[in-house]
Protein backbone atom coordinates (compact mmCIF):
# COMPACT_ATOMS: atom_id res chain seq x y z
CA UNK A 1 -12.17 -6.17 -31.97
CA UNK A 2 -12.02 -9.70 -32.79
CA UNK A 3 -8.95 -9.15 -35.46
CA UNK A 4 -7.32 -7.14 -32.68
CA UNK A 5 -7.98 -9.81 -30.03
CA UNK A 6 -6.48 -12.23 -32.46
CA UNK A 7 -3.23 -10.43 -33.43
CA UNK A 8 -2.56 -9.90 -29.62
CA UNK A 9 -2.85 -13.33 -28.53
CA UNK A 10 -0.57 -14.33 -31.63
CA UNK A 11 1.92 -11.66 -30.82
CA UNK A 12 1.96 -13.02 -27.02
CA UNK A 13 2.34 -16.50 -28.08
CA UNK A 14 5.39 -15.70 -30.50
CA UNK A 15 6.88 -13.82 -27.87
CA UNK A 16 6.35 -16.64 -25.30
CA UNK A 17 7.86 -19.16 -27.94
CA UNK A 18 10.71 -17.27 -28.38
CA UNK A 19 11.73 -16.45 -24.59
CA UNK A 20 10.99 -20.28 -24.14
CA UNK A 21 13.62 -21.15 -26.96
CA UNK A 22 15.89 -18.56 -25.72
CA UNK A 23 16.04 -19.57 -22.04
CA UNK A 24 15.67 -23.20 -22.62
CA UNK A 25 17.61 -23.98 -25.65
CA UNK A 26 19.82 -20.90 -26.93
CA UNK A 27 20.97 -19.28 -23.79
CA UNK A 28 24.24 -20.45 -21.98
CA UNK A 29 23.97 -20.51 -18.11
CA UNK A 30 27.56 -21.64 -17.63
CA UNK A 31 30.92 -19.77 -17.00
CA UNK A 32 33.42 -18.76 -19.36
CA UNK A 33 36.36 -21.31 -19.94
CA UNK A 34 38.42 -18.77 -18.40
CA UNK A 35 36.91 -19.00 -15.04
CA UNK A 36 36.37 -22.67 -14.59
CA UNK A 37 38.12 -24.09 -11.61
CA UNK A 38 37.77 -20.60 -9.91
CA UNK A 39 35.78 -19.52 -7.05
CA UNK A 40 33.28 -18.00 -9.35
CA UNK A 41 32.71 -21.49 -11.07
CA UNK A 42 29.83 -23.34 -9.71
CA UNK A 43 30.94 -26.73 -9.98
CA UNK A 44 33.57 -26.00 -7.64
CA UNK A 45 31.27 -25.31 -4.63
CA UNK A 46 27.98 -26.97 -5.98
CA UNK A 47 27.12 -30.80 -6.40
CA UNK A 48 26.17 -31.85 -9.75
CA UNK A 49 22.48 -32.16 -8.45
CA UNK A 50 22.41 -28.49 -7.14
CA UNK A 51 23.65 -27.30 -10.46
CA UNK A 52 21.20 -29.33 -12.30
CA UNK A 53 18.40 -27.68 -9.90
CA UNK A 54 19.79 -24.09 -10.06
CA UNK A 55 19.81 -24.56 -14.06
CA UNK A 56 16.16 -25.66 -14.03
CA UNK A 57 14.77 -23.33 -11.54
CA UNK A 58 16.62 -20.17 -13.03
CA UNK A 59 15.14 -20.80 -16.47
CA UNK A 60 11.74 -21.37 -15.04
CA UNK A 61 11.84 -18.46 -12.66
CA UNK A 62 13.03 -16.22 -15.47
CA UNK A 63 10.54 -17.47 -18.09
CA UNK A 64 7.68 -16.79 -15.68
CA UNK A 65 9.05 -13.26 -14.85
CA UNK A 66 8.99 -12.51 -18.80
CA UNK A 67 5.74 -13.79 -19.42
CA UNK A 68 4.39 -11.22 -16.60
CA UNK A 69 5.50 -8.07 -18.36
CA UNK A 70 3.05 -8.29 -21.47
CA UNK A 71 0.67 -9.90 -19.66
CA UNK A 72 -0.10 -6.72 -17.66
CA UNK A 73 -0.16 -4.68 -20.82
CA UNK A 74 -2.81 -7.21 -22.49
CA UNK A 75 -5.08 -7.11 -19.31
CA UNK A 76 -4.95 -3.18 -19.32
CA UNK A 77 -5.84 -3.13 -22.90
CA UNK A 78 -8.58 -5.71 -22.77
CA UNK A 79 -10.22 -3.73 -19.77
CA UNK A 80 -10.11 -0.91 -21.90
CA UNK A 81 -11.24 -2.33 -25.18
CA UNK A 82 -13.90 -4.49 -23.71
CA UNK A 83 -15.36 -1.07 -21.95
CA UNK A 84 -14.72 -2.80 -18.44
CA UNK A 85 -13.28 0.36 -17.16
CA UNK A 86 -16.49 2.43 -17.87
CA UNK A 87 -18.65 -0.24 -16.36
CA UNK A 88 -16.04 -0.24 -13.16
CA UNK A 89 -16.51 3.97 -13.08
CA UNK A 90 -20.33 3.68 -13.74
CA UNK A 91 -20.73 1.05 -10.78
CA UNK A 92 -18.89 2.90 -8.29
CA UNK A 93 -20.81 6.09 -8.94
CA UNK A 94 -23.94 4.12 -8.50
CA UNK A 95 -22.86 2.88 -5.32
CA UNK A 96 -21.89 6.33 -3.70
CA UNK A 97 -22.59 9.76 -4.92
CA UNK A 98 -19.60 10.81 -2.71
CA UNK A 99 -16.69 11.64 -4.79
CA UNK A 100 -14.39 10.44 -2.06
CA UNK A 101 -15.73 7.02 -2.05
CA UNK A 102 -16.00 6.63 -5.76
CA UNK A 103 -12.25 6.31 -6.50
CA UNK A 104 -11.52 3.67 -3.82
CA UNK A 105 -14.44 1.57 -5.19
CA UNK A 106 -13.07 1.91 -8.67
CA UNK A 107 -9.44 0.89 -7.58
CA UNK A 108 -11.11 -2.11 -5.65
CA UNK A 109 -12.74 -3.37 -8.64
CA UNK A 110 -9.74 -2.76 -11.05
CA UNK A 111 -7.30 -4.34 -8.58
CA UNK A 112 -9.53 -7.08 -7.95
CA UNK A 113 -9.80 -7.93 -11.52
CA UNK A 114 -6.34 -7.73 -12.44
CA UNK A 115 -5.29 -9.55 -9.47
CA UNK A 116 -7.74 -12.51 -10.31
CA UNK A 117 -6.16 -12.51 -13.98
CA UNK A 118 -2.75 -12.79 -12.72
CA UNK A 119 -3.28 -14.99 -9.92
CA UNK A 120 -2.48 -18.44 -11.93
CA UNK A 121 1.17 -16.82 -12.48
CA UNK A 122 1.65 -15.86 -9.21
CA UNK A 123 0.53 -19.26 -7.93
CA UNK A 124 2.72 -21.05 -10.68
CA UNK A 125 5.54 -19.25 -9.54
CA UNK A 126 5.07 -19.90 -5.83
CA UNK A 127 4.51 -23.81 -6.80
CA UNK A 128 7.82 -23.51 -8.47
CA UNK A 129 9.76 -22.09 -5.92
CA UNK A 130 8.20 -24.81 -3.28
CA UNK A 131 9.20 -27.65 -5.91
CA UNK A 132 12.56 -26.43 -5.49
CA UNK A 133 12.85 -25.75 -1.83
CA UNK A 134 13.27 -22.10 -1.73
CA UNK A 135 9.69 -21.33 -0.70
CA UNK A 136 8.41 -23.22 2.44
CA UNK A 137 5.40 -21.01 3.38
CA UNK A 138 1.99 -22.78 3.71
CA UNK A 139 -0.33 -21.92 1.30
CA UNK A 140 -2.99 -20.20 4.03
CA UNK A 141 0.07 -18.05 5.08
CA UNK A 142 0.83 -17.27 1.73
CA UNK A 143 -2.62 -16.16 0.91
CA UNK A 144 -2.58 -13.89 4.04
CA UNK A 145 0.56 -12.19 2.51
CA UNK A 146 -1.32 -11.87 -0.68
CA UNK A 147 -4.21 -10.18 0.90
CA UNK A 148 -2.07 -7.80 3.05
CA UNK A 149 -0.30 -6.69 -0.21
CA UNK A 150 -3.81 -6.47 -1.94
CA UNK A 151 -5.32 -3.96 0.62
CA UNK A 152 -2.13 -1.95 1.26
CA UNK A 153 -2.35 -1.34 -2.88
CA UNK A 154 -5.77 -0.66 -2.92
CA UNK A 155 -5.57 1.85 -0.16
CA UNK A 156 -2.00 3.50 -1.25
CA UNK A 157 -3.24 3.54 -5.21
CA UNK A 158 -6.71 4.98 -3.88
CA UNK A 159 -4.94 7.93 -2.17
CA UNK A 160 -2.47 8.61 -4.94
CA UNK A 161 -4.89 8.43 -7.77
CA UNK A 162 -7.68 10.59 -5.99
CA UNK A 163 -4.96 12.96 -5.70
CA UNK A 164 -3.81 12.65 -9.20
CA UNK A 165 -7.06 12.86 -10.93
CA UNK A 166 -8.19 15.85 -8.79
CA UNK A 167 -5.04 17.58 -10.25
CA UNK A 168 -5.60 16.60 -13.92
CA UNK A 169 -9.20 18.32 -13.40
CA UNK A 170 -7.77 21.44 -11.63
CA UNK A 171 -4.57 21.95 -14.03
CA UNK A 172 -5.30 20.23 -17.46
CA UNK A 173 -1.66 21.31 -18.95
CA UNK A 174 0.18 21.30 -15.78
CA UNK A 175 -1.07 18.38 -13.75
CA UNK A 176 1.99 16.59 -14.45
CA UNK A 177 4.44 19.03 -12.73
CA UNK A 178 1.91 19.41 -9.60
CA UNK A 179 1.86 15.64 -9.34
CA UNK A 180 5.72 15.55 -9.43
CA UNK A 181 5.70 18.13 -6.73
CA UNK A 182 3.62 16.06 -4.38
CA UNK A 183 5.84 13.05 -5.12
CA UNK A 184 8.79 14.34 -3.12
CA UNK A 185 7.09 14.28 0.34
CA UNK A 186 4.96 11.27 -0.61
CA UNK A 187 8.16 8.98 -1.41
CA UNK A 188 9.97 10.76 1.56
CA UNK A 189 7.24 9.76 3.90
CA UNK A 190 6.79 6.00 2.57
CA UNK A 191 10.83 5.40 3.01
CA UNK A 192 10.13 6.82 6.57
CA UNK A 193 7.10 4.66 7.67
CA UNK A 194 7.86 1.32 5.59
CA UNK A 195 10.03 -0.26 8.32
CA UNK A 196 7.76 0.61 11.24
CA UNK A 197 4.30 0.54 9.65
CA UNK A 198 4.12 -1.73 6.32
CA UNK A 199 7.03 -4.26 7.14
CA UNK A 200 5.34 -5.27 10.36
CA UNK A 201 2.33 -6.23 8.73
CA UNK A 202 3.89 -9.09 7.10
CA UNK A 203 6.41 -10.30 10.02
CA UNK A 204 7.59 -9.92 13.25
CA UNK A 205 10.43 -8.25 14.13
CA UNK A 206 12.42 -8.65 17.67
CA UNK A 207 15.63 -8.07 18.95
CA UNK A 208 18.57 -10.21 17.62
CA UNK A 209 18.77 -13.39 19.26
CA UNK A 210 22.46 -14.03 19.13
CA UNK A 211 23.55 -10.92 21.46
CA UNK A 212 27.53 -11.36 20.75
CA UNK A 213 26.65 -11.08 16.97
CA UNK A 214 24.36 -8.14 17.50
CA UNK A 215 27.06 -6.42 19.54
CA UNK A 216 29.80 -7.15 16.73
CA UNK A 217 27.22 -5.85 14.28
CA UNK A 218 26.64 -2.40 16.28
CA UNK A 219 30.22 -1.83 16.52
CA UNK A 220 30.25 -1.78 12.75
CA UNK A 221 27.15 0.48 12.80
CA UNK A 222 29.15 2.80 15.15
CA UNK A 223 32.15 2.70 12.90
CA UNK A 224 30.09 3.63 9.95
CA UNK A 225 28.32 6.26 11.88
CA UNK A 226 25.00 4.55 11.47
CA UNK A 227 22.75 5.83 14.25
CA UNK A 228 21.44 2.30 15.72
CA UNK A 229 21.08 0.59 19.05
CA UNK A 230 19.83 -2.60 18.31
CA UNK A 231 19.49 -5.09 15.23
CA UNK A 232 16.10 -6.44 14.48
CA UNK A 233 15.52 -10.48 13.57
CA UNK A 234 13.09 -11.59 11.08
CA UNK A 235 11.62 -15.30 11.52
CA UNK A 236 11.58 -15.82 7.73
CA UNK A 237 12.66 -19.51 8.17
CA UNK A 238 8.85 -20.24 8.15
CA UNK A 239 8.20 -18.79 4.68
CA UNK A 240 11.33 -19.32 2.81
CA UNK A 241 14.99 -21.01 2.86
CA UNK A 242 16.20 -17.75 1.08
CA UNK A 243 18.47 -15.35 3.11
CA UNK A 244 18.56 -11.58 3.62
CA UNK A 245 19.60 -8.48 5.39
CA UNK A 246 18.95 -4.72 5.05
CA UNK A 247 19.24 -1.31 6.34
CA UNK A 248 16.39 0.68 5.68
CA UNK A 249 14.11 3.69 6.58
CA UNK A 250 15.25 7.26 7.14
CA UNK A 251 15.69 9.16 10.47
CA UNK A 252 14.60 7.91 13.51
CA UNK A 253 12.81 4.69 11.71
CA UNK A 254 15.98 3.60 10.59
CA UNK A 255 16.54 -0.11 11.09
CA UNK A 256 19.48 -2.82 10.86
CA UNK A 257 17.45 -6.09 9.95
CA UNK A 258 18.80 -9.87 9.85
CA UNK A 259 16.88 -12.67 8.57
CA UNK A 260 16.78 -15.68 10.85
CA UNK A 261 17.74 -17.97 7.62
CA UNK A 262 20.87 -15.80 7.06
CA UNK A 263 22.04 -16.09 10.43
CA UNK A 264 21.40 -19.76 10.50
CA UNK A 265 23.19 -20.85 7.36
CA UNK A 266 26.00 -18.41 7.28
CA UNK A 267 29.14 -18.25 9.96
CA UNK A 268 29.41 -14.93 12.04
CA UNK A 269 32.19 -13.70 9.75
CA UNK A 270 30.35 -14.27 6.81
CA UNK A 271 27.20 -12.49 8.36
CA UNK A 272 29.24 -9.56 9.03
CA UNK A 273 30.08 -9.13 5.63
CA UNK A 274 26.70 -9.25 4.54
CA UNK A 275 25.75 -6.75 7.20
CA UNK A 276 28.87 -4.54 6.30
CA UNK A 277 27.40 -4.64 2.72
CA UNK A 278 24.11 -3.44 3.65
CA UNK A 279 25.76 -0.75 5.76
CA UNK A 280 27.56 0.51 2.79
CA UNK A 281 24.49 1.53 0.89
CA UNK A 282 23.72 3.57 3.75
CA UNK A 283 27.19 5.17 4.02
CA UNK A 284 27.57 5.78 0.37
CA UNK A 285 24.03 7.27 0.35
CA UNK A 286 22.44 4.93 -1.93
CA UNK A 287 19.15 5.32 0.01
CA UNK A 288 19.10 8.86 -0.65
CA UNK A 289 20.02 8.19 -4.36
CA UNK A 290 17.50 5.47 -4.73
CA UNK A 291 15.07 8.46 -3.82
CA UNK A 292 16.56 11.27 -6.01
CA UNK A 293 16.48 8.60 -9.09
CA UNK A 294 12.76 7.82 -8.29
CA UNK A 295 12.01 11.52 -8.17
CA UNK A 296 13.82 11.74 -11.87
CA UNK A 297 12.27 8.90 -13.73
CA UNK A 298 8.80 9.79 -12.17
CA UNK A 299 9.11 13.65 -13.46
CA UNK A 300 10.11 12.24 -17.05
CA UNK A 301 7.38 9.68 -16.85
CA UNK A 302 4.54 11.82 -15.65
CA UNK A 303 5.68 14.13 -18.52
CA UNK A 304 5.52 11.65 -21.17
CA UNK A 305 2.22 10.26 -19.91
CA UNK A 306 0.72 13.88 -20.07
CA UNK A 307 1.92 13.87 -24.06
CA UNK A 308 0.71 10.50 -24.79
CA UNK A 309 -2.50 10.06 -22.76
CA UNK A 310 -4.54 12.90 -24.59
CA UNK A 311 -3.41 11.30 -28.00
CA UNK A 312 -4.55 7.76 -26.77
CA UNK A 313 -7.89 8.81 -25.72
CA UNK A 314 -8.45 11.20 -29.04
CA UNK A 315 -7.72 7.95 -30.87
CA UNK A 316 -9.36 5.16 -29.01
CA UNK A 317 -11.31 7.05 -26.13
CA UNK A 318 -14.65 6.68 -27.98
CA UNK A 319 -14.49 3.16 -28.44
CA UNK A 320 -13.28 2.50 -24.81
CA UNK A 321 -15.95 4.66 -23.15
CA UNK A 322 -13.59 7.26 -22.16
CA UNK A 323 -14.40 10.91 -22.53
CA UNK A 324 -11.26 12.73 -21.37
CA UNK A 325 -7.95 12.57 -19.43
CA UNK A 326 -9.69 13.55 -16.21
CA UNK A 327 -12.17 10.89 -16.77
CA UNK A 328 -11.36 8.12 -13.93
CA UNK A 329 -11.99 5.49 -16.68
CA UNK A 330 -8.88 6.24 -18.25
CA UNK A 331 -6.74 4.99 -15.39
CA UNK A 332 -5.69 1.76 -16.99
CA UNK A 333 -4.33 3.45 -19.82
CA UNK A 334 -2.20 5.56 -17.56
CA UNK A 335 -1.29 2.40 -15.73
CA UNK A 336 -0.49 1.02 -19.47
CA UNK A 337 1.91 3.95 -19.98
CA UNK A 338 3.55 3.75 -16.69
CA UNK A 339 4.09 0.15 -17.06
CA UNK A 340 5.64 0.34 -20.74
CA UNK A 341 7.75 3.31 -19.71
CA UNK A 342 9.07 1.29 -16.75
CA UNK A 343 9.96 -1.39 -18.90
CA UNK A 344 11.90 0.57 -21.39
CA UNK A 345 14.00 2.56 -18.67
CA UNK A 346 14.53 -0.70 -16.62
CA UNK A 347 17.98 -1.71 -18.20
CA UNK A 348 19.14 1.93 -17.49
CA UNK A 349 17.87 1.60 -13.56
CA UNK A 350 18.98 -1.76 -13.27
CA UNK A 351 22.56 -0.85 -14.44
CA UNK A 352 22.75 1.99 -11.96
CA UNK A 353 21.66 -0.49 -9.31
CA UNK A 354 24.21 -3.30 -10.16
CA UNK A 355 26.93 -0.29 -9.94
CA UNK A 356 25.68 0.74 -6.35
CA UNK A 357 25.62 -2.95 -5.33
CA UNK A 358 29.27 -3.24 -6.55
CA UNK A 359 30.30 -0.32 -4.61
CA UNK A 360 28.73 -1.72 -1.35
CA UNK A 361 30.59 -5.02 -1.86
CA UNK A 362 34.18 -3.11 -2.22
CA UNK A 363 32.82 -1.20 0.90
CA UNK A 364 32.33 -4.40 2.78
CA UNK A 365 35.36 -5.88 1.90
CA UNK A 366 37.61 -2.54 3.13
CA UNK A 367 35.52 -2.67 6.33
CA UNK A 368 35.76 -6.44 6.99
CA UNK A 369 39.19 -7.32 5.35
CA UNK A 370 37.79 -10.69 5.11
CA UNK A 371 37.57 -11.84 1.47
CA UNK A 372 37.35 -15.26 2.35
CA UNK A 373 34.18 -14.57 4.57
CA UNK A 374 32.92 -12.72 1.34
CA UNK A 375 33.37 -15.59 -0.74
CA UNK A 376 32.06 -18.05 1.48
CA UNK A 377 28.80 -15.96 2.06
CA UNK A 378 28.18 -15.59 -2.08
CA UNK A 379 28.72 -19.28 -2.50
CA UNK A 380 26.29 -20.28 0.20
CA UNK A 381 23.75 -17.47 -1.07
CA UNK A 382 24.10 -19.07 -4.61
CA UNK A 383 23.72 -22.70 -3.21
CA UNK A 384 20.99 -21.76 -1.01
CA UNK A 385 18.69 -19.65 -3.48
CA UNK A 386 19.71 -21.93 -6.43
CA UNK A 387 20.68 -18.63 -8.47
CA UNK A 388 22.33 -18.78 -11.66
CA UNK A 389 26.00 -17.67 -11.36
CA UNK A 390 26.07 -16.18 -15.06
CA UNK A 391 22.69 -15.74 -15.97
CA UNK A 392 22.00 -14.94 -19.72
CA UNK A 393 22.61 -11.45 -21.24
CA UNK A 394 18.52 -10.86 -21.59
CA UNK A 395 18.02 -12.14 -18.07
CA UNK A 396 20.80 -9.88 -16.66
CA UNK A 397 19.92 -6.29 -18.22
CA UNK A 398 16.19 -6.85 -17.81
CA UNK A 399 15.82 -8.48 -14.38
CA UNK A 400 19.22 -7.90 -12.38
CA UNK A 401 19.58 -5.21 -9.92
CA UNK A 402 22.64 -6.99 -8.45
CA UNK A 403 25.87 -7.98 -10.20
CA UNK A 404 25.69 -11.51 -11.26
CA UNK A 405 27.54 -13.94 -8.90
CA UNK A 406 30.15 -14.49 -11.14
CA UNK A 407 31.18 -10.58 -11.51
CA UNK A 408 31.07 -10.55 -7.60
CA UNK A 409 33.03 -13.41 -7.05
CA UNK A 410 35.61 -12.71 -9.74
CA UNK A 411 36.00 -9.33 -8.18
CA UNK A 412 36.79 -10.77 -4.90
CA UNK A 413 39.56 -12.97 -6.71
CA UNK A 414 41.05 -10.08 -8.34
CA UNK A 415 40.89 -8.19 -5.04
CA UNK A 416 42.46 -10.96 -3.32
CA UNK A 417 45.27 -11.44 -5.87
CA UNK A 418 46.01 -7.67 -5.79
CA UNK A 419 46.18 -7.59 -1.95
CA UNK A 420 48.83 -10.74 -1.95
CA UNK A 421 50.61 -9.07 -4.57
CA UNK A 422 51.26 -5.59 -2.74
């Protein structure tokens, strides 16, 4: 055990050193010479101080993000290797003999333990965003949101895992297929209730205060055949300086949402471009595409988990105190598998997401026919969030679900040239 711990610590240290060297010394955050002086060059719309802060914040934020990935794996391995998962299960069984209570108690212990271990990294990320002027939320407000997320996570995970392990016990060889079958209504249900049940737990949603702007947005929605009769405003300025807008939900629970920071920092024509982009996702069925994609990846993930989990338990189960796949104590191993598979699949998933975002950009340009507003909105987003215009290769392909700002601004510049040429 000591030897394994030594190797794990050594491996994590080498990984952290490599990522630090890559992000702070080797990677280039600048734009290619061919685009210097264009709208894609941050030097044309950011001050020297903003450029410095953007580069610093981007490097630190990416470094913390990459550290968090293997840290989760190490925590799951530690919980298994030190027999903590077995102890969590035994404690839960000792508290209550009711099977319906055992799973939530176990999930509560497991979630609380991992939350405590990862809290320093989350706090570091929060402190960093405050230092660079992105986060404006008080510590008490931040902790309130953390606790809301914690209990939502415990509740939903308890439900899902309770059903999953019941299926594993009943269908030893086909549990992965049965679980996938239940994923379809579950994901659809979550998309339906997210805007009206979960989102309001974090923020208050009100009607848009600018009625003239709301009327313009609703006119765009009508043109796009989006069934909406109001636009919701969220008071995010008390939490962040970042900007956002979105169209979420399905059916009667569909909502068009605009953060007050977006409305306050952008001109109306720029806000309309952002909203047109979000409507583009709806019009081109990206919401349903995301659902289909999630179902496809979950099918593959569940099948691979079925094939791999048994082998892991046969090889290490005795030392972990895990008797079989249906033993609740095997859950950290299952989480470990899902996490690793998610990381491996992320470049493909993110590439698909970037393509969808570019399609939404093109839709927004055609709808608004206002390239200048599009350029202005992207440049303001970059300045306000201290985003890197051209992130390093590894950061882009493992973290970016949107095209880089350089790619988006270049696309707008090319669109404007082609339009004038015609």
